[in-house]
Amino acid sequence: MSDTKNATDLRGMNAADLNERMDELAAEHMKLRFQRATMQLNNTARVGQVRREIARIKTILAERS
């Protein structure tokens, strides 16, 4: 699985890269939700990490617009 990036790393990316990263995270979030619902998820903390990283990306994109 991919590692969580901090806000400094994300701010160094351009808008296209941020949107691509957000799409990847949204897909991962969906997969994690299904795993949690079927009791197959081992690392439950990863769900929160993905949600926070999506929020960071949305915040950075909003600041730029």
PDB file of N, CA and C in Angstrom:
ATOM      1  N   MET A   1       0.839  -1.174   0.000  1.00  0.00           N
ATOM      2  CA  MET A   1       0.000   0.000   0.000  1.00  0.00           C
ATOM      3  C   MET A   1       0.882   1.234   0.000  1.00  0.00           C
ATOM      4  N   SER A   2       0.300   2.309  -0.466  1.00  0.00           N
ATOM      5  CA  SER A   2       1.072   3.542  -0.556  1.00  0.00           C
ATOM      6  C   SER A   2       1.198   4.217   0.800  1.00  0.00           C
ATOM      7  N   ASP A   3       2.263   4.965   0.951  1.00  0.00           N
ATOM      8  CA  ASP A   3       2.507   5.668   2.207  1.00  0.00           C
ATOM      9  C   ASP A   3       1.785   6.997   2.212  1.00  0.00           C
ATOM     10  N   THR A   4       1.481   7.453   3.393  1.00  0.00           N
ATOM     11  CA  THR A   4       0.841   8.751   3.548  1.00  0.00           C
ATOM     12  C   THR A   4       1.873   9.853   3.341  1.00  0.00           C
ATOM     13  N   LYS A   5       1.492  10.872   2.594  1.00  0.00           N
ATOM     14  CA  LYS A   5       2.382  12.010   2.354  1.00  0.00           C
ATOM     15  C   LYS A   5       1.961  13.150   3.258  1.00  0.00           C
ATOM     16  N   ASN A   6       2.944  13.919   3.697  1.00  0.00           N
ATOM     17  CA  ASN A   6       2.595  15.073   4.527  1.00  0.00           C
ATOM     18  C   ASN A   6       2.277  16.275   3.643  1.00  0.00           C
ATOM     19  N   ALA A   7       1.793  17.327   4.254  1.00  0.00           N
ATOM     20  CA  ALA A   7       1.334  18.495   3.500  1.00  0.00           C
ATOM     21  C   ALA A   7       2.474  19.139   2.712  1.00  0.00           C
ATOM     22  N   THR A   8       3.682  19.119   3.245  1.00  0.00           N
ATOM     23  CA  THR A   8       4.822  19.717   2.540  1.00  0.00           C
ATOM     24  C   THR A   8       5.084  18.990   1.226  1.00  0.00           C
ATOM     25  N   ASP A   9       5.041  17.659   1.263  1.00  0.00           N
ATOM     26  CA  ASP A   9       5.232  16.883   0.034  1.00  0.00           C
ATOM     27  C   ASP A   9       4.128  17.175  -0.972  1.00  0.00           C
ATOM     28  N   LEU A  10       2.902  17.255  -0.480  1.00  0.00           N
ATOM     29  CA  LEU A  10       1.767  17.494  -1.368  1.00  0.00           C
ATOM     30  C   LEU A  10       1.816  18.886  -1.988  1.00  0.00           C
ATOM     31  N   ARG A  11       2.272  19.882  -1.236  1.00  0.00           N
ATOM     32  CA  ARG A  11       2.339  21.246  -1.771  1.00  0.00           C
ATOM     33  C   ARG A  11       3.357  21.354  -2.902  1.00  0.00           C
ATOM     34  N   GLY A  12       4.319  20.443  -2.946  1.00  0.00           N
ATOM     35  CA  GLY A  12       5.306  20.439  -4.015  1.00  0.00           C
ATOM     36  C   GLY A  12       4.796  19.842  -5.309  1.00  0.00           C
ATOM     37  N   MET A  13       3.604  19.278  -5.293  1.00  0.00           N
ATOM     38  CA  MET A  13       3.033  18.646  -6.483  1.00  0.00           C
ATOM     39  C   MET A  13       2.152  19.650  -7.224  1.00  0.00           C
ATOM     40  N   ASN A  14       2.031  19.464  -8.546  1.00  0.00           N
ATOM     41  CA  ASN A  14       1.143  20.351  -9.305  1.00  0.00           C
ATOM     42  C   ASN A  14      -0.294  19.832  -9.216  1.00  0.00           C
ATOM     43  N   ALA A  15      -1.239  20.607  -9.731  1.00  0.00           N
ATOM     44  CA  ALA A  15      -2.660  20.287  -9.594  1.00  0.00           C
ATOM     45  C   ALA A  15      -3.020  18.961 -10.262  1.00  0.00           C
ATOM     46  N   ALA A  16      -2.430  18.678 -11.416  1.00  0.00           N
ATOM     47  CA  ALA A  16      -2.734  17.423 -12.114  1.00  0.00           C
ATOM     48  C   ALA A  16      -2.280  16.231 -11.284  1.00  0.00           C
ATOM     49  N   ASP A  17      -1.090  16.332 -10.693  1.00  0.00           N
ATOM     50  CA  ASP A  17      -0.585  15.242  -9.853  1.00  0.00           C
ATOM     51  C   ASP A  17      -1.448  15.069  -8.605  1.00  0.00           C
ATOM     52  N   LEU A  18      -1.892  16.189  -8.028  1.00  0.00           N
ATOM     53  CA  LEU A  18      -2.743  16.115  -6.846  1.00  0.00           C
ATOM     54  C   LEU A  18      -4.076  15.452  -7.169  1.00  0.00           C
ATOM     55  N   ASN A  19      -4.656  15.802  -8.315  1.00  0.00           N
ATOM     56  CA  ASN A  19      -5.913  15.174  -8.713  1.00  0.00           C
ATOM     57  C   ASN A  19      -5.738  13.680  -8.971  1.00  0.00           C
ATOM     58  N   GLU A  20      -4.619  13.306  -9.577  1.00  0.00           N
ATOM     59  CA  GLU A  20      -4.340  11.899  -9.822  1.00  0.00           C
ATOM     60  C   GLU A  20      -4.174  11.143  -8.498  1.00  0.00           C
ATOM     61  N   ARG A  21      -3.455  11.752  -7.567  1.00  0.00           N
ATOM     62  CA  ARG A  21      -3.253  11.138  -6.241  1.00  0.00           C
ATOM     63  C   ARG A  21      -4.585  10.996  -5.515  1.00  0.00           C
ATOM     64  N   MET A  22      -5.450  12.003  -5.637  1.00  0.00           N
ATOM     65  CA  MET A  22      -6.741  11.947  -4.974  1.00  0.00           C
ATOM     66  C   MET A  22      -7.597  10.817  -5.569  1.00  0.00           C
ATOM     67  N   ASP A  23      -7.526  10.606  -6.881  1.00  0.00           N
ATOM     68  CA  ASP A  23      -8.256   9.508  -7.505  1.00  0.00           C
ATOM     69  C   ASP A  23      -7.762   8.160  -6.994  1.00  0.00           C
ATOM     70  N   GLU A  24      -6.429   8.027  -6.864  1.00  0.00           N
ATOM     71  CA  GLU A  24      -5.856   6.779  -6.337  1.00  0.00           C
ATOM     72  C   GLU A  24      -6.329   6.532  -4.905  1.00  0.00           C
ATOM     73  N   LEU A  25      -6.319   7.591  -4.101  1.00  0.00           N
ATOM     74  CA  LEU A  25      -6.742   7.458  -2.708  1.00  0.00           C
ATOM     75  C   LEU A  25      -8.224   7.155  -2.593  1.00  0.00           C
ATOM     76  N   ALA A  26      -9.036   7.734  -3.475  1.00  0.00           N
ATOM     77  CA  ALA A  26     -10.470   7.455  -3.446  1.00  0.00           C
ATOM     78  C   ALA A  26     -10.728   5.986  -3.755  1.00  0.00           C
ATOM     79  N   ALA A  27      -9.994   5.433  -4.708  1.00  0.00           N
ATOM     80  CA  ALA A  27     -10.133   4.013  -5.035  1.00  0.00           C
ATOM     81  C   ALA A  27      -9.680   3.146  -3.857  1.00  0.00           C
ATOM     82  N   GLU A  28      -8.574   3.531  -3.229  1.00  0.00           N
ATOM     83  CA  GLU A  28      -8.097   2.782  -2.070  1.00  0.00           C
ATOM     84  C   GLU A  28      -9.101   2.860  -0.919  1.00  0.00           C
ATOM     85  N   HIS A  29      -9.688   4.040  -0.717  1.00  0.00           N
ATOM     86  CA  HIS A  29     -10.673   4.214   0.345  1.00  0.00           C
ATOM     87  C   HIS A  29     -11.884   3.302   0.114  1.00  0.00           C
ATOM     88  N   MET A  30     -12.328   3.217  -1.129  1.00  0.00           N
ATOM     89  CA  MET A  30     -13.454   2.344  -1.451  1.00  0.00           C
ATOM     90  C   MET A  30     -13.097   0.887  -1.150  1.00  0.00           C
ATOM     91  N   LYS A  31     -11.894   0.487  -1.545  1.00  0.00           N
ATOM     92  CA  LYS A  31     -11.450  -0.888  -1.298  1.00  0.00           C
ATOM     93  C   LYS A  31     -11.379  -1.180   0.197  1.00  0.00           C
ATOM     94  N   LEU A  32     -10.848  -0.240   0.955  1.00  0.00           N
ATOM     95  CA  LEU A  32     -10.746  -0.424   2.402  1.00  0.00           C
ATOM     96  C   LEU A  32     -12.116  -0.508   3.055  1.00  0.00           C
ATOM     97  N   ARG A  33     -13.062   0.292   2.575  1.00  0.00           N
ATOM     98  CA  ARG A  33     -14.419   0.242   3.128  1.00  0.00           C
ATOM     99  C   ARG A  33     -15.055  -1.120   2.899  1.00  0.00           C
ATOM    100  N   PHE A  34     -14.859  -1.687   1.701  1.00  0.00           N
ATOM    101  CA  PHE A  34     -15.405  -3.019   1.429  1.00  0.00           C
ATOM    102  C   PHE A  34     -14.732  -4.073   2.297  1.00  0.00           C
ATOM    103  N   GLN A  35     -13.413  -3.960   2.474  1.00  0.00           N
ATOM    104  CA  GLN A  35     -12.708  -4.911   3.331  1.00  0.00           C
ATOM    105  C   GLN A  35     -13.192  -4.821   4.771  1.00  0.00           C
ATOM    106  N   ARG A  36     -13.433  -3.605   5.246  1.00  0.00           N
ATOM    107  CA  ARG A  36     -13.920  -3.439   6.613  1.00  0.00           C
ATOM    108  C   ARG A  36     -15.324  -4.031   6.755  1.00  0.00           C
ATOM    109  N   ALA A  37     -16.160  -3.836   5.756  1.00  0.00           N
ATOM    110  CA  ALA A  37     -17.534  -4.339   5.815  1.00  0.00           C
ATOM    111  C   ALA A  37     -17.577  -5.863   5.795  1.00  0.00           C
ATOM    112  N   THR A  38     -16.604  -6.492   5.139  1.00  0.00           N
ATOM    113  CA  THR A  38     -16.581  -7.950   5.065  1.00  0.00           C
ATOM    114  C   THR A  38     -15.651  -8.570   6.107  1.00  0.00           C
ATOM    115  N   MET A  39     -15.199  -7.730   7.068  1.00  0.00           N
ATOM    116  CA  MET A  39     -14.343  -8.195   8.168  1.00  0.00           C
ATOM    117  C   MET A  39     -13.006  -8.765   7.687  1.00  0.00           C
ATOM    118  N   GLN A  40     -12.467  -8.231   6.600  1.00  0.00           N
ATOM    119  CA  GLN A  40     -11.188  -8.695   6.070  1.00  0.00           C
ATOM    120  C   GLN A  40     -10.079  -7.669   6.232  1.00  0.00           C
ATOM    121  N   LEU A  41     -10.388  -6.542   6.875  1.00  0.00           N
ATOM    122  CA  LEU A  41      -9.418  -5.462   7.006  1.00  0.00           C
ATOM    123  C   LEU A  41      -8.583  -5.665   8.262  1.00  0.00           C
ATOM    124  N   ASN A  42      -7.270  -5.741   8.088  1.00  0.00           N
ATOM    125  CA  ASN A  42      -6.365  -5.939   9.218  1.00  0.00           C
ATOM    126  C   ASN A  42      -5.937  -4.608   9.834  1.00  0.00           C
ATOM    127  N   ASN A  43      -5.590  -3.637   9.000  1.00  0.00           N
ATOM    128  CA  ASN A  43      -5.096  -2.347   9.475  1.00  0.00           C
ATOM    129  C   ASN A  43      -6.224  -1.323   9.396  1.00  0.00           C
ATOM    130  N   THR A  44      -7.023  -1.239  10.436  1.00  0.00           N
ATOM    131  CA  THR A  44      -8.168  -0.332  10.419  1.00  0.00           C
ATOM    132  C   THR A  44      -7.746   1.132  10.452  1.00  0.00           C
ATOM    133  N   ALA A  45      -6.574   1.434  10.922  1.00  0.00           N
ATOM    134  CA  ALA A  45      -6.098   2.816  10.987  1.00  0.00           C
ATOM    135  C   ALA A  45      -5.864   3.386   9.594  1.00  0.00           C
ATOM    136  N   ARG A  46      -5.645   2.535   8.621  1.00  0.00           N
ATOM    137  CA  ARG A  46      -5.357   2.996   7.258  1.00  0.00           C
ATOM    138  C   ARG A  46      -6.544   3.773   6.676  1.00  0.00           C
ATOM    139  N   VAL A  47      -7.766   3.413   7.070  1.00  0.00           N
ATOM    140  CA  VAL A  47      -8.953   4.114   6.576  1.00  0.00           C
ATOM    141  C   VAL A  47      -8.870   5.593   6.952  1.00  0.00           C
ATOM    142  N   GLY A  48      -8.538   5.874   8.194  1.00  0.00           N
ATOM    143  CA  GLY A  48      -8.414   7.255   8.645  1.00  0.00           C
ATOM    144  C   GLY A  48      -7.268   7.983   7.975  1.00  0.00           C
ATOM    145  N   GLN A  49      -6.164   7.292   7.751  1.00  0.00           N
ATOM    146  CA  GLN A  49      -5.018   7.905   7.093  1.00  0.00           C
ATOM    147  C   GLN A  49      -5.380   8.339   5.681  1.00  0.00           C
ATOM    148  N   VAL A  50      -6.091   7.478   4.969  1.00  0.00           N
ATOM    149  CA  VAL A  50      -6.490   7.791   3.596  1.00  0.00           C
ATOM    150  C   VAL A  50      -7.452   8.971   3.584  1.00  0.00           C
ATOM    151  N   ARG A  51      -8.414   8.985   4.503  1.00  0.00           N
ATOM    152  CA  ARG A  51      -9.371  10.087   4.571  1.00  0.00           C
ATOM    153  C   ARG A  51      -8.672  11.412   4.853  1.00  0.00           C
ATOM    154  N   ARG A  52      -7.701  11.396   5.763  1.00  0.00           N
ATOM    155  CA  ARG A  52      -6.981  12.625   6.091  1.00  0.00           C
ATOM    156  C   ARG A  52      -6.140  13.112   4.919  1.00  0.00           C
ATOM    157  N   GLU A  53      -5.522  12.183   4.188  1.00  0.00           N
ATOM    158  CA  GLU A  53      -4.715  12.603   3.053  1.00  0.00           C
ATOM    159  C   GLU A  53      -5.591  13.191   1.944  1.00  0.00           C
ATOM    160  N   ILE A  54      -6.773  12.615   1.733  1.00  0.00           N
ATOM    161  CA  ILE A  54      -7.714  13.179   0.765  1.00  0.00           C
ATOM    162  C   ILE A  54      -8.097  14.598   1.193  1.00  0.00           C
ATOM    163  N   ALA A  55      -8.356  14.788   2.478  1.00  0.00           N
ATOM    164  CA  ALA A  55      -8.711  16.117   2.989  1.00  0.00           C
ATOM    165  C   ALA A  55      -7.559  17.102   2.793  1.00  0.00           C
ATOM    166  N   ARG A  56      -6.324  16.663   3.016  1.00  0.00           N
ATOM    167  CA  ARG A  56      -5.158  17.534   2.797  1.00  0.00           C
ATOM    168  C   ARG A  56      -5.097  17.994   1.349  1.00  0.00           C
ATOM    169  N   ILE A  57      -5.296  17.051   0.425  1.00  0.00           N
ATOM    170  CA  ILE A  57      -5.229  17.382  -0.998  1.00  0.00           C
ATOM    171  C   ILE A  57      -6.331  18.365  -1.363  1.00  0.00           C
ATOM    172  N   LYS A  58      -7.545  18.126  -0.881  1.00  0.00           N
ATOM    173  CA  LYS A  58      -8.655  19.040  -1.171  1.00  0.00           C
ATOM    174  C   LYS A  58      -8.377  20.430  -0.623  1.00  0.00           C
ATOM    175  N   THR A  59      -7.783  20.504   0.556  1.00  0.00           N
ATOM    176  CA  THR A  59      -7.456  21.791   1.156  1.00  0.00           C
ATOM    177  C   THR A  59      -6.428  22.537   0.328  1.00  0.00           C
ATOM    178  N   ILE A  60      -5.399  21.846  -0.122  1.00  0.00           N
ATOM    179  CA  ILE A  60      -4.348  22.481  -0.922  1.00  0.00           C
ATOM    180  C   ILE A  60      -4.921  22.967  -2.244  1.00  0.00           C
ATOM    181  N   LEU A  61      -5.768  22.144  -2.878  1.00  0.00           N
ATOM    182  CA  LEU A  61      -6.382  22.561  -4.144  1.00  0.00           C
ATOM    183  C   LEU A  61      -7.286  23.771  -3.941  1.00  0.00           C
ATOM    184  N   ALA A  62      -8.002  23.822  -2.835  1.00  0.00           N
ATOM    185  CA  ALA A  62      -8.890  24.967  -2.559  1.00  0.00           C
ATOM    186  C   ALA A  62      -8.073  26.218  -2.306  1.00  0.00           C
ATOM    187  N   GLU A  63      -6.937  26.091  -1.630  1.00  0.00           N
ATOM    188  CA  GLU A  63      -6.084  27.252  -1.375  1.00  0.00           C
ATOM    189  C   GLU A  63      -5.552  27.839  -2.670  1.00  0.00           C
ATOM    190  N   ARG A  64      -5.275  26.996  -3.627  1.00  0.00           N
ATOM    191  CA  ARG A  64      -4.702  27.457  -4.885  1.00  0.00           C
ATOM    192  C   ARG A  64      -5.735  28.108  -5.796  1.00  0.00           C
ATOM    193  N   SER A  65      -6.986  27.762  -5.624  1.00  0.00           N
ATOM    194  CA  SER A  65      -8.012  28.321  -6.533  1.00  0.00           C
ATOM    195  C   SER A  65      -8.573  29.632  -6.020  1.00  0.00           C
TER     196      SER A  65
END
